[in-house]
Amino acid sequence: MTPPQEPGQTIAPSISQRSAAVLAYREQLLSLEQRAQSDFDRTVMALSGGSLGVSFTFLDKFLADRTPEQPGALILAWGLWTSSLTLVLASHYFSALAMRKAIEQVDAGKTGAEVPGGLYDSLIKWTNALGGLGFVAGVLAMARFVYINL
């Protein structure tokens, strides 16, 4: 039975209730982080792939009848976007390996002693960051190329 309380006074939740609430909140954060990472990967892939296509269209529509100036900027943009796509694909591969490693860690009882996913977790972070930066750098290189040639 709950003890009577004074008006305006709240009863503090028990430790087990707080622990359950914290665990539920943590699970929600993990789910949101996974969704955000998945959205990031999809966005970088779509933008990098789309940018490659748009650059070919630009060449065909605006520069079909003349030799482009400073084609190195265009080639750099293509290389950066291709690298961006490759890095995001590598991130997906490392993600699968990280999950496999985490399962092995759980099975071996090493969840508190090691970083979940091990080295693959770090590789995922780096490939994602570099993939995003590659896309942005490609946009800057393409902007330079367009500016010079229009």
C-alpha atoms as a PDB file:
ATOM      1  CA  MET A   1       0.000   0.000   0.000  1.00  0.00           C
ATOM      2  CA  THR A   2       1.209   3.477  -0.912  1.00  0.00           C
ATOM      3  CA  PRO A   3       1.751   5.822   2.023  1.00  0.00           C
ATOM      4  CA  PRO A   4      -0.392   8.955   2.025  1.00  0.00           C
ATOM      5  CA  GLN A   5       1.255  12.035   0.578  1.00  0.00           C
ATOM      6  CA  GLU A   6       0.913  15.715   1.181  1.00  0.00           C
ATOM      7  CA  PRO A   7      -0.684  17.838  -1.571  1.00  0.00           C
ATOM      8  CA  GLY A   8       1.934  18.824  -4.194  1.00  0.00           C
ATOM      9  CA  GLN A   9       4.371  16.165  -3.006  1.00  0.00           C
ATOM     10  CA  THR A  10       5.488  13.465  -5.444  1.00  0.00           C
ATOM     11  CA  ILE A  11       6.729  10.046  -4.607  1.00  0.00           C
ATOM     12  CA  ALA A  12      10.203   9.391  -5.976  1.00  0.00           C
ATOM     13  CA  PRO A  13      10.431   6.402  -8.295  1.00  0.00           C
ATOM     14  CA  SER A  14      12.215   3.368  -6.938  1.00  0.00           C
ATOM     15  CA  ILE A  15      15.713   2.504  -8.084  1.00  0.00           C
ATOM     16  CA  SER A  16      14.397  -0.345 -10.229  1.00  0.00           C
ATOM     17  CA  GLN A  17      11.879   1.992 -11.891  1.00  0.00           C
ATOM     18  CA  ARG A  18      14.626   4.518 -12.640  1.00  0.00           C
ATOM     19  CA  SER A  19      16.897   1.772 -13.956  1.00  0.00           C
ATOM     20  CA  ALA A  20      14.165   0.481 -16.247  1.00  0.00           C
ATOM     21  CA  ALA A  21      13.470   4.013 -17.485  1.00  0.00           C
ATOM     22  CA  VAL A  22      17.166   4.647 -18.131  1.00  0.00           C
ATOM     23  CA  LEU A  23      17.512   1.351 -20.007  1.00  0.00           C
ATOM     24  CA  ALA A  24      14.439   2.137 -22.115  1.00  0.00           C
ATOM     25  CA  TYR A  25      15.840   5.597 -22.876  1.00  0.00           C
ATOM     26  CA  ARG A  26      19.201   4.072 -23.796  1.00  0.00           C
ATOM     27  CA  GLU A  27      17.536   1.599 -26.155  1.00  0.00           C
ATOM     28  CA  GLN A  28      15.640   4.453 -27.783  1.00  0.00           C
ATOM     29  CA  LEU A  29      18.879   6.406 -28.235  1.00  0.00           C
ATOM     30  CA  LEU A  30      20.582   3.389 -29.805  1.00  0.00           C
ATOM     31  CA  SER A  31      17.689   2.931 -32.201  1.00  0.00           C
ATOM     32  CA  LEU A  32      17.750   6.615 -33.171  1.00  0.00           C
ATOM     33  CA  GLU A  33      21.529   6.515 -33.648  1.00  0.00           C
ATOM     34  CA  GLN A  34      21.228   3.500 -35.957  1.00  0.00           C
ATOM     35  CA  ARG A  35      18.484   5.178 -37.962  1.00  0.00           C
ATOM     36  CA  ALA A  36      20.484   8.414 -38.239  1.00  0.00           C
ATOM     37  CA  GLN A  37      23.564   6.520 -39.412  1.00  0.00           C
ATOM     38  CA  SER A  38      21.541   4.606 -41.978  1.00  0.00           C
ATOM     39  CA  ASP A  39      19.977   7.842 -43.233  1.00  0.00           C
ATOM     40  CA  PHE A  40      23.420   9.460 -43.441  1.00  0.00           C
ATOM     41  CA  ASP A  41      24.803   6.565 -45.486  1.00  0.00           C
ATOM     42  CA  ARG A  42      21.843   6.609 -47.868  1.00  0.00           C
ATOM     43  CA  THR A  43      22.049  10.377 -48.264  1.00  0.00           C
ATOM     44  CA  VAL A  44      25.786  10.414 -49.013  1.00  0.00           C
ATOM     45  CA  MET A  45      25.380   7.585 -51.529  1.00  0.00           C
ATOM     46  CA  ALA A  46      22.443   9.270 -53.257  1.00  0.00           C
ATOM     47  CA  LEU A  47      24.121  12.671 -53.367  1.00  0.00           C
ATOM     48  CA  SER A  48      27.482  11.351 -54.567  1.00  0.00           C
ATOM     49  CA  GLY A  49      25.910   9.126 -57.213  1.00  0.00           C
ATOM     50  CA  GLY A  50      23.536  11.871 -58.304  1.00  0.00           C
ATOM     51  CA  SER A  51      26.348  14.386 -58.465  1.00  0.00           C
ATOM     52  CA  LEU A  52      28.282  12.122 -60.813  1.00  0.00           C
ATOM     53  CA  GLY A  53      25.228  11.947 -63.085  1.00  0.00           C
ATOM     54  CA  VAL A  54      24.612  15.699 -62.979  1.00  0.00           C
ATOM     55  CA  SER A  55      28.251  16.384 -63.836  1.00  0.00           C
ATOM     56  CA  PHE A  56      27.973  14.233 -66.970  1.00  0.00           C
ATOM     57  CA  THR A  57      24.817  16.096 -67.950  1.00  0.00           C
ATOM     58  CA  PHE A  58      26.599  19.411 -67.403  1.00  0.00           C
ATOM     59  CA  LEU A  59      29.383  18.325 -69.724  1.00  0.00           C
ATOM     60  CA  ASP A  60      26.926  17.200 -72.378  1.00  0.00           C
ATOM     61  CA  LYS A  61      24.628  20.237 -72.235  1.00  0.00           C
ATOM     62  CA  PHE A  62      27.010  23.125 -71.603  1.00  0.00           C
ATOM     63  CA  LEU A  63      30.414  22.028 -72.820  1.00  0.00           C
ATOM     64  CA  ALA A  64      29.595  19.701 -75.706  1.00  0.00           C
ATOM     65  CA  ASP A  65      30.938  22.087 -78.354  1.00  0.00           C
ATOM     66  CA  ARG A  66      34.130  23.260 -76.612  1.00  0.00           C
ATOM     67  CA  THR A  67      37.093  21.970 -74.666  1.00  0.00           C
ATOM     68  CA  PRO A  68      36.632  22.535 -70.922  1.00  0.00           C
ATOM     69  CA  GLU A  69      39.127  24.685 -69.058  1.00  0.00           C
ATOM     70  CA  GLN A  70      40.939  23.160 -66.084  1.00  0.00           C
ATOM     71  CA  PRO A  71      39.492  19.655 -66.431  1.00  0.00           C
ATOM     72  CA  GLY A  72      41.536  18.632 -63.389  1.00  0.00           C
ATOM     73  CA  ALA A  73      38.845  20.105 -61.128  1.00  0.00           C
ATOM     74  CA  LEU A  74      36.226  17.932 -62.823  1.00  0.00           C
ATOM     75  CA  ILE A  75      38.402  14.842 -62.582  1.00  0.00           C
ATOM     76  CA  LEU A  76      39.065  15.646 -58.918  1.00  0.00           C
ATOM     77  CA  ALA A  77      35.305  15.946 -58.260  1.00  0.00           C
ATOM     78  CA  TRP A  78      34.675  12.607 -59.949  1.00  0.00           C
ATOM     79  CA  GLY A  79      37.454  10.990 -57.928  1.00  0.00           C
ATOM     80  CA  LEU A  80      36.156  12.429 -54.666  1.00  0.00           C
ATOM     81  CA  TRP A  81      32.573  11.306 -55.347  1.00  0.00           C
ATOM     82  CA  THR A  82      33.740   7.850 -56.364  1.00  0.00           C
ATOM     83  CA  SER A  83      35.844   7.674 -53.196  1.00  0.00           C
ATOM     84  CA  SER A  84      32.857   8.829 -51.171  1.00  0.00           C
ATOM     85  CA  LEU A  85      30.715   6.033 -52.579  1.00  0.00           C
ATOM     86  CA  THR A  86      33.481   3.498 -51.967  1.00  0.00           C
ATOM     87  CA  LEU A  87      33.933   4.641 -48.364  1.00  0.00           C
ATOM     88  CA  VAL A  88      30.206   4.389 -47.606  1.00  0.00           C
ATOM     89  CA  LEU A  89      30.126   0.893 -49.098  1.00  0.00           C
ATOM     90  CA  ALA A  90      33.158  -0.022 -46.985  1.00  0.00           C
ATOM     91  CA  SER A  91      31.321   1.349 -43.950  1.00  0.00           C
ATOM     92  CA  HIS A  92      28.445  -1.056 -44.600  1.00  0.00           C
ATOM     93  CA  TYR A  93      30.891  -3.950 -44.856  1.00  0.00           C
ATOM     94  CA  PHE A  94      32.692  -2.933 -41.648  1.00  0.00           C
ATOM     95  CA  SER A  95      29.314  -2.624 -39.945  1.00  0.00           C
ATOM     96  CA  ALA A  96      28.542  -6.272 -40.693  1.00  0.00           C
ATOM     97  CA  LEU A  97      31.988  -7.273 -39.392  1.00  0.00           C
ATOM     98  CA  ALA A  98      31.513  -5.144 -36.254  1.00  0.00           C
ATOM     99  CA  MET A  99      28.208  -6.844 -35.505  1.00  0.00           C
ATOM    100  CA  ARG A 100      29.809 -10.254 -35.994  1.00  0.00           C
ATOM    101  CA  LYS A 101      32.667  -9.229 -33.650  1.00  0.00           C
ATOM    102  CA  ALA A 102      30.195  -7.908 -31.051  1.00  0.00           C
ATOM    103  CA  ILE A 103      28.334 -11.225 -31.127  1.00  0.00           C
ATOM    104  CA  GLU A 104      31.628 -13.040 -30.538  1.00  0.00           C
ATOM    105  CA  GLN A 105      32.355 -10.672 -27.638  1.00  0.00           C
ATOM    106  CA  VAL A 106      28.959 -11.352 -26.088  1.00  0.00           C
ATOM    107  CA  ASP A 107      29.419 -15.107 -26.510  1.00  0.00           C
ATOM    108  CA  ALA A 108      32.868 -14.900 -24.872  1.00  0.00           C
ATOM    109  CA  GLY A 109      31.567 -12.727 -22.004  1.00  0.00           C
ATOM    110  CA  LYS A 110      33.799  -9.786 -22.931  1.00  0.00           C
ATOM    111  CA  THR A 111      31.112  -7.118 -23.301  1.00  0.00           C
ATOM    112  CA  GLY A 112      32.411  -4.920 -20.499  1.00  0.00           C
ATOM    113  CA  ALA A 113      36.094  -5.470 -21.174  1.00  0.00           C
ATOM    114  CA  GLU A 114      36.295  -4.584 -24.877  1.00  0.00           C
ATOM    115  CA  VAL A 115      34.882  -1.979 -27.232  1.00  0.00           C
ATOM    116  CA  PRO A 116      31.812  -3.548 -28.881  1.00  0.00           C
ATOM    117  CA  GLY A 117      32.745  -4.390 -32.467  1.00  0.00           C
ATOM    118  CA  GLY A 118      36.439  -3.830 -31.790  1.00  0.00           C
ATOM    119  CA  LEU A 119      38.530  -2.188 -34.493  1.00  0.00           C
ATOM    120  CA  TYR A 120      35.635  -2.382 -36.955  1.00  0.00           C
ATOM    121  CA  ASP A 121      33.708   0.158 -34.864  1.00  0.00           C
ATOM    122  CA  SER A 122      36.508   2.691 -35.403  1.00  0.00           C
ATOM    123  CA  LEU A 123      36.687   1.859 -39.100  1.00  0.00           C
ATOM    124  CA  ILE A 124      32.958   2.553 -39.450  1.00  0.00           C
ATOM    125  CA  LYS A 125      33.354   5.987 -37.873  1.00  0.00           C
ATOM    126  CA  TRP A 126      36.311   6.891 -40.093  1.00  0.00           C
ATOM    127  CA  THR A 127      34.813   5.628 -43.349  1.00  0.00           C
ATOM    128  CA  ASN A 128      31.550   7.467 -42.664  1.00  0.00           C
ATOM    129  CA  ALA A 129      33.293  10.723 -41.820  1.00  0.00           C
ATOM    130  CA  LEU A 130      35.640  10.511 -44.800  1.00  0.00           C
ATOM    131  CA  GLY A 131      32.764   9.564 -47.111  1.00  0.00           C
ATOM    132  CA  GLY A 132      30.830  12.671 -46.081  1.00  0.00           C
ATOM    133  CA  LEU A 133      33.904  14.880 -46.411  1.00  0.00           C
ATOM    134  CA  GLY A 134      34.636  13.369 -49.819  1.00  0.00           C
ATOM    135  CA  PHE A 135      31.186  14.329 -51.020  1.00  0.00           C
ATOM    136  CA  VAL A 136      31.543  17.924 -49.796  1.00  0.00           C
ATOM    137  CA  ALA A 137      35.035  18.256 -51.283  1.00  0.00           C
ATOM    138  CA  GLY A 138      33.684  16.903 -54.581  1.00  0.00           C
ATOM    139  CA  VAL A 139      30.970  19.546 -54.580  1.00  0.00           C
ATOM    140  CA  LEU A 140      33.598  22.249 -54.038  1.00  0.00           C
ATOM    141  CA  ALA A 141      35.778  20.892 -56.856  1.00  0.00           C
ATOM    142  CA  MET A 142      32.771  20.725 -59.191  1.00  0.00           C
ATOM    143  CA  ALA A 143      31.708  24.250 -58.221  1.00  0.00           C
ATOM    144  CA  ARG A 144      35.175  25.472 -59.161  1.00  0.00           C
ATOM    145  CA  PHE A 145      35.002  23.651 -62.488  1.00  0.00           C
ATOM    146  CA  VAL A 146      31.547  25.069 -63.280  1.00  0.00           C
ATOM    147  CA  TYR A 147      32.580  28.586 -62.283  1.00  0.00           C
ATOM    148  CA  ILE A 148      35.637  28.469 -64.529  1.00  0.00           C
ATOM    149  CA  ASN A 149      33.718  27.062 -67.502  1.00  0.00           C
ATOM    150  CA  LEU A 150      30.557  29.197 -67.456  1.00  0.00           C
END
